[in-house]
Amino acid sequence: MRKVRVLCLAMCFVFALTSLAFDDMGKSTTVNGWITDAKCGAKGANAGGEACTKKCVAAGEKMVIVTDGDSKVVAVDNQDALKGHEGHHVAVTGTMGKDSMHVGTVKML
């Protein structure tokens, strides 16, 4: 009887680990929008905002994504993933957290 309990507990442990591993799968999302800085936000989300965005980022501001359509400002965890795309219109693929996005890939639009 003891062996059966140990076997059942071991199987439950394996199933719990498996469910945690698959929890993050499929949560990747793609957002289309403009790369701008946190100071300007939606005001800098246009083709003419590239110079301002580069200037503000050089001064220490964080880069954000301003989404097309609803102009939602999305913070970015890994700023290095956006380097070279300041002021560009892009499609960003990554995982969304509670307050920010972890960028996986960036594609120019």
N, C-alpha and C. Protein backbone atom coordinates (compact mmCIF):
# COMPACT_ATOMS: atom_id res chain seq x y z
N MET A 1 0.82 -1.19 0.00
CA MET A 1 0.00 0.00 0.00
C MET A 1 0.87 1.26 0.00
N ARG A 2 1.97 1.20 0.72
CA ARG A 2 2.86 2.36 0.80
C ARG A 2 3.47 2.66 -0.57
N LYS A 3 3.81 1.63 -1.32
CA LYS A 3 4.38 1.81 -2.66
C LYS A 3 3.39 2.49 -3.60
N VAL A 4 2.12 2.16 -3.44
CA VAL A 4 1.08 2.75 -4.29
C VAL A 4 0.97 4.24 -3.99
N ARG A 5 1.01 4.62 -2.72
CA ARG A 5 0.93 6.03 -2.35
C ARG A 5 2.13 6.80 -2.90
N VAL A 6 3.31 6.24 -2.74
CA VAL A 6 4.52 6.90 -3.25
C VAL A 6 4.44 7.06 -4.76
N LEU A 7 3.97 6.02 -5.44
CA LEU A 7 3.82 6.08 -6.90
C LEU A 7 2.81 7.15 -7.31
N CYS A 8 1.70 7.23 -6.59
CA CYS A 8 0.68 8.26 -6.89
C CYS A 8 1.22 9.67 -6.65
N LEU A 9 1.94 9.85 -5.55
CA LEU A 9 2.53 11.16 -5.27
C LEU A 9 3.56 11.54 -6.33
N ALA A 10 4.35 10.58 -6.75
CA ALA A 10 5.34 10.85 -7.79
C ALA A 10 4.67 11.25 -9.09
N MET A 11 3.60 10.57 -9.45
CA MET A 11 2.88 10.90 -10.70
C MET A 11 2.24 12.28 -10.60
N CYS A 12 1.68 12.61 -9.45
CA CYS A 12 1.10 13.95 -9.26
C CYS A 12 2.17 15.02 -9.39
N PHE A 13 3.35 14.76 -8.84
CA PHE A 13 4.46 15.70 -8.94
C PHE A 13 4.86 15.91 -10.39
N VAL A 14 4.95 14.84 -11.16
CA VAL A 14 5.31 14.93 -12.57
C VAL A 14 4.25 15.72 -13.35
N PHE A 15 2.98 15.45 -13.09
CA PHE A 15 1.91 16.18 -13.79
C PHE A 15 1.91 17.66 -13.42
N ALA A 16 2.21 17.98 -12.17
CA ALA A 16 2.26 19.38 -11.75
C ALA A 16 3.40 20.11 -12.46
N LEU A 17 4.56 19.50 -12.54
CA LEU A 17 5.69 20.11 -13.24
C LEU A 17 5.40 20.29 -14.73
N THR A 18 4.75 19.31 -15.32
CA THR A 18 4.40 19.39 -16.73
C THR A 18 3.43 20.54 -17.00
N SER A 19 2.45 20.70 -16.14
CA SER A 19 1.47 21.78 -16.34
C SER A 19 2.13 23.14 -16.19
N LEU A 20 3.10 23.26 -15.28
CA LEU A 20 3.81 24.53 -15.14
C LEU A 20 4.68 24.83 -16.36
N ALA A 21 5.25 23.79 -16.93
CA ALA A 21 6.10 23.98 -18.11
C ALA A 21 5.29 24.45 -19.31
N PHE A 22 4.07 23.94 -19.45
CA PHE A 22 3.24 24.31 -20.59
C PHE A 22 2.44 25.58 -20.34
N ASP A 23 2.48 26.14 -19.14
CA ASP A 23 1.71 27.33 -18.81
C ASP A 23 2.13 28.53 -19.64
N ASP A 24 3.43 28.72 -19.89
CA ASP A 24 3.92 29.88 -20.64
C ASP A 24 3.82 29.70 -22.14
N MET A 25 3.59 28.51 -22.60
CA MET A 25 3.51 28.28 -24.05
C MET A 25 2.25 28.92 -24.61
N GLY A 26 2.37 29.53 -25.77
CA GLY A 26 1.21 30.12 -26.43
C GLY A 26 0.89 31.52 -25.96
N LYS A 27 1.67 32.09 -25.07
CA LYS A 27 1.37 33.43 -24.58
C LYS A 27 2.16 34.50 -25.33
N SER A 28 2.83 34.10 -26.39
CA SER A 28 3.55 35.05 -27.21
C SER A 28 2.54 35.88 -27.99
N THR A 29 2.79 37.17 -28.08
CA THR A 29 1.86 38.05 -28.77
C THR A 29 2.64 39.01 -29.66
N THR A 30 1.99 39.49 -30.71
CA THR A 30 2.59 40.46 -31.60
C THR A 30 1.84 41.78 -31.50
N VAL A 31 2.59 42.86 -31.36
CA VAL A 31 2.01 44.20 -31.24
C VAL A 31 2.59 45.05 -32.36
N ASN A 32 1.74 45.73 -33.10
CA ASN A 32 2.18 46.68 -34.12
C ASN A 32 2.11 48.09 -33.53
N GLY A 33 3.19 48.86 -33.75
CA GLY A 33 3.18 50.21 -33.22
C GLY A 33 4.49 50.93 -33.46
N TRP A 34 4.65 52.04 -32.78
CA TRP A 34 5.81 52.90 -32.92
C TRP A 34 6.70 52.77 -31.70
N ILE A 35 8.02 52.75 -31.92
CA ILE A 35 8.97 52.77 -30.81
C ILE A 35 9.25 54.24 -30.50
N THR A 36 8.92 54.64 -29.29
CA THR A 36 9.14 56.01 -28.85
C THR A 36 9.69 55.98 -27.43
N ASP A 37 9.85 57.12 -26.82
CA ASP A 37 10.37 57.16 -25.46
C ASP A 37 9.23 57.38 -24.47
N ALA A 38 9.49 57.04 -23.21
CA ALA A 38 8.46 57.15 -22.18
C ALA A 38 8.03 58.59 -21.92
N LYS A 39 8.91 59.53 -22.14
CA LYS A 39 8.59 60.94 -21.90
C LYS A 39 7.55 61.46 -22.90
N CYS A 40 7.78 61.19 -24.17
CA CYS A 40 6.86 61.67 -25.21
C CYS A 40 5.64 60.77 -25.37
N GLY A 41 5.82 59.48 -25.18
CA GLY A 41 4.71 58.54 -25.28
C GLY A 41 4.02 58.61 -26.62
N ALA A 42 2.69 58.72 -26.60
CA ALA A 42 1.88 58.71 -27.82
C ALA A 42 2.12 59.94 -28.70
N LYS A 43 2.60 61.04 -28.12
CA LYS A 43 2.88 62.23 -28.93
C LYS A 43 4.00 62.00 -29.93
N GLY A 44 4.93 61.11 -29.60
CA GLY A 44 6.06 60.85 -30.48
C GLY A 44 5.85 59.66 -31.40
N ALA A 45 4.64 59.13 -31.43
CA ALA A 45 4.35 57.93 -32.21
C ALA A 45 3.97 58.29 -33.65
N ASN A 46 4.96 58.76 -34.40
CA ASN A 46 4.74 59.09 -35.80
C ASN A 46 6.08 59.12 -36.52
N ALA A 47 6.03 59.24 -37.83
CA ALA A 47 7.26 59.20 -38.64
C ALA A 47 8.19 60.37 -38.33
N GLY A 48 7.67 61.49 -37.87
CA GLY A 48 8.49 62.65 -37.57
C GLY A 48 9.10 62.64 -36.19
N GLY A 49 8.83 61.62 -35.39
CA GLY A 49 9.31 61.58 -34.01
C GLY A 49 10.63 60.87 -33.80
N GLU A 50 11.28 60.42 -34.87
CA GLU A 50 12.50 59.63 -34.73
C GLU A 50 13.62 60.41 -34.05
N ALA A 51 13.87 61.64 -34.49
CA ALA A 51 14.96 62.44 -33.93
C ALA A 51 14.73 62.72 -32.45
N CYS A 52 13.51 63.07 -32.09
CA CYS A 52 13.19 63.35 -30.70
C CYS A 52 13.35 62.10 -29.84
N THR A 53 12.90 60.96 -30.36
CA THR A 53 13.02 59.71 -29.62
C THR A 53 14.49 59.37 -29.37
N LYS A 54 15.31 59.50 -30.39
CA LYS A 54 16.74 59.21 -30.24
C LYS A 54 17.38 60.14 -29.21
N LYS A 55 16.99 61.41 -29.23
CA LYS A 55 17.54 62.39 -28.30
C LYS A 55 17.14 62.06 -26.86
N CYS A 56 15.87 61.73 -26.66
CA CYS A 56 15.39 61.43 -25.31
C CYS A 56 15.98 60.12 -24.77
N VAL A 57 16.13 59.12 -25.64
CA VAL A 57 16.72 57.85 -25.22
C VAL A 57 18.19 58.06 -24.85
N ALA A 58 18.88 58.89 -25.61
CA ALA A 58 20.28 59.20 -25.29
C ALA A 58 20.39 59.92 -23.95
N ALA A 59 19.34 60.65 -23.57
CA ALA A 59 19.33 61.37 -22.30
C ALA A 59 18.88 60.49 -21.14
N GLY A 60 18.56 59.22 -21.41
CA GLY A 60 18.23 58.30 -20.34
C GLY A 60 16.79 57.84 -20.25
N GLU A 61 15.92 58.31 -21.14
CA GLU A 61 14.53 57.86 -21.13
C GLU A 61 14.45 56.41 -21.60
N LYS A 62 13.45 55.69 -21.12
CA LYS A 62 13.21 54.30 -21.53
C LYS A 62 12.40 54.29 -22.82
N MET A 63 12.66 53.28 -23.68
CA MET A 63 11.87 53.12 -24.89
C MET A 63 10.58 52.38 -24.56
N VAL A 64 9.50 52.75 -25.25
CA VAL A 64 8.20 52.11 -25.10
C VAL A 64 7.63 51.85 -26.48
N ILE A 65 6.59 51.04 -26.53
CA ILE A 65 5.86 50.77 -27.77
C ILE A 65 4.51 51.45 -27.64
N VAL A 66 4.15 52.26 -28.64
CA VAL A 66 2.82 52.86 -28.68
C VAL A 66 2.05 52.11 -29.76
N THR A 67 1.01 51.39 -29.35
CA THR A 67 0.29 50.51 -30.26
C THR A 67 -0.53 51.28 -31.29
N ASP A 68 -0.65 50.68 -32.46
CA ASP A 68 -1.52 51.23 -33.50
C ASP A 68 -2.96 51.10 -33.04
N GLY A 69 -3.80 51.99 -33.50
CA GLY A 69 -5.22 51.91 -33.18
C GLY A 69 -5.58 52.57 -31.87
N ASP A 70 -5.28 51.93 -30.74
CA ASP A 70 -5.70 52.47 -29.44
C ASP A 70 -4.62 53.31 -28.75
N SER A 71 -3.44 53.42 -29.35
CA SER A 71 -2.33 54.23 -28.83
C SER A 71 -1.98 53.91 -27.38
N LYS A 72 -2.05 52.64 -27.03
CA LYS A 72 -1.68 52.20 -25.69
C LYS A 72 -0.16 52.19 -25.58
N VAL A 73 0.36 52.70 -24.47
CA VAL A 73 1.81 52.74 -24.23
C VAL A 73 2.20 51.47 -23.48
N VAL A 74 3.11 50.69 -24.08
CA VAL A 74 3.54 49.42 -23.50
C VAL A 74 5.01 49.54 -23.11
N ALA A 75 5.32 49.37 -21.83
CA ALA A 75 6.70 49.39 -21.36
C ALA A 75 7.42 48.13 -21.85
N VAL A 76 8.75 48.21 -21.93
CA VAL A 76 9.56 47.10 -22.43
C VAL A 76 10.60 46.72 -21.38
N ASP A 77 10.65 45.42 -21.05
CA ASP A 77 11.61 44.90 -20.06
C ASP A 77 13.04 44.97 -20.57
N ASN A 78 13.26 44.43 -21.74
CA ASN A 78 14.62 44.31 -22.29
C ASN A 78 14.85 45.39 -23.35
N GLN A 79 15.31 46.53 -22.91
CA GLN A 79 15.51 47.69 -23.77
C GLN A 79 16.48 47.41 -24.92
N ASP A 80 17.47 46.57 -24.71
CA ASP A 80 18.46 46.28 -25.74
C ASP A 80 17.84 45.67 -27.00
N ALA A 81 16.71 45.00 -26.87
CA ALA A 81 16.06 44.36 -28.02
C ALA A 81 15.53 45.41 -29.01
N LEU A 82 15.33 46.64 -28.54
CA LEU A 82 14.79 47.69 -29.41
C LEU A 82 15.86 48.62 -29.98
N LYS A 83 17.12 48.42 -29.58
CA LYS A 83 18.20 49.29 -30.07
C LYS A 83 18.22 49.31 -31.59
N GLY A 84 18.35 50.51 -32.14
CA GLY A 84 18.37 50.68 -33.59
C GLY A 84 17.00 50.89 -34.20
N HIS A 85 15.94 50.77 -33.40
CA HIS A 85 14.57 50.94 -33.92
C HIS A 85 13.89 52.17 -33.34
N GLU A 86 14.64 53.08 -32.74
CA GLU A 86 14.06 54.28 -32.16
C GLU A 86 13.31 55.07 -33.23
N GLY A 87 12.03 55.36 -32.97
CA GLY A 87 11.21 56.13 -33.89
C GLY A 87 10.67 55.36 -35.07
N HIS A 88 10.86 54.05 -35.11
CA HIS A 88 10.39 53.25 -36.25
C HIS A 88 9.02 52.64 -35.99
N HIS A 89 8.32 52.36 -37.09
CA HIS A 89 7.04 51.66 -37.05
C HIS A 89 7.36 50.17 -37.19
N VAL A 90 7.00 49.37 -36.19
CA VAL A 90 7.45 47.98 -36.13
C VAL A 90 6.34 47.03 -35.69
N ALA A 91 6.61 45.73 -35.90
CA ALA A 91 5.82 44.66 -35.32
C ALA A 91 6.72 43.99 -34.30
N VAL A 92 6.31 44.00 -33.04
CA VAL A 92 7.11 43.46 -31.95
C VAL A 92 6.43 42.19 -31.45
N THR A 93 7.18 41.10 -31.40
CA THR A 93 6.68 39.85 -30.88
C THR A 93 7.39 39.54 -29.58
N GLY A 94 6.61 39.15 -28.56
CA GLY A 94 7.19 38.84 -27.26
C GLY A 94 6.11 38.36 -26.31
N THR A 95 6.46 38.31 -25.05
CA THR A 95 5.51 37.86 -24.03
C THR A 95 5.11 39.05 -23.16
N MET A 96 3.82 39.16 -22.93
CA MET A 96 3.28 40.24 -22.12
C MET A 96 3.25 39.84 -20.66
N GLY A 97 3.75 40.72 -19.81
CA GLY A 97 3.65 40.54 -18.37
C GLY A 97 2.52 41.40 -17.86
N LYS A 98 2.50 41.61 -16.56
CA LYS A 98 1.45 42.46 -15.98
C LYS A 98 1.60 43.91 -16.42
N ASP A 99 2.82 44.42 -16.34
CA ASP A 99 3.04 45.84 -16.61
C ASP A 99 3.91 46.12 -17.82
N SER A 100 4.47 45.09 -18.44
CA SER A 100 5.41 45.33 -19.52
C SER A 100 5.50 44.13 -20.46
N MET A 101 6.28 44.31 -21.51
CA MET A 101 6.47 43.26 -22.52
C MET A 101 7.94 42.89 -22.56
N HIS A 102 8.22 41.60 -22.69
CA HIS A 102 9.58 41.11 -22.92
C HIS A 102 9.69 40.82 -24.41
N VAL A 103 10.48 41.61 -25.12
CA VAL A 103 10.56 41.55 -26.58
C VAL A 103 11.40 40.35 -27.02
N GLY A 104 10.85 39.62 -28.00
CA GLY A 104 11.58 38.52 -28.61
C GLY A 104 12.16 38.93 -29.95
N THR A 105 11.29 39.43 -30.83
CA THR A 105 11.73 39.86 -32.16
C THR A 105 11.09 41.20 -32.51
N VAL A 106 11.79 41.94 -33.38
CA VAL A 106 11.30 43.22 -33.88
C VAL A 106 11.40 43.20 -35.39
N LYS A 107 10.31 43.54 -36.08
CA LYS A 107 10.27 43.55 -37.53
C LYS A 107 9.76 44.90 -38.01
N MET A 108 10.50 45.52 -38.92
CA MET A 108 10.07 46.82 -39.48
C MET A 108 8.81 46.65 -40.30
N LEU A 109 7.92 47.63 -40.20
CA LEU A 109 6.69 47.64 -41.03
C LEU A 109 6.81 48.68 -42.12
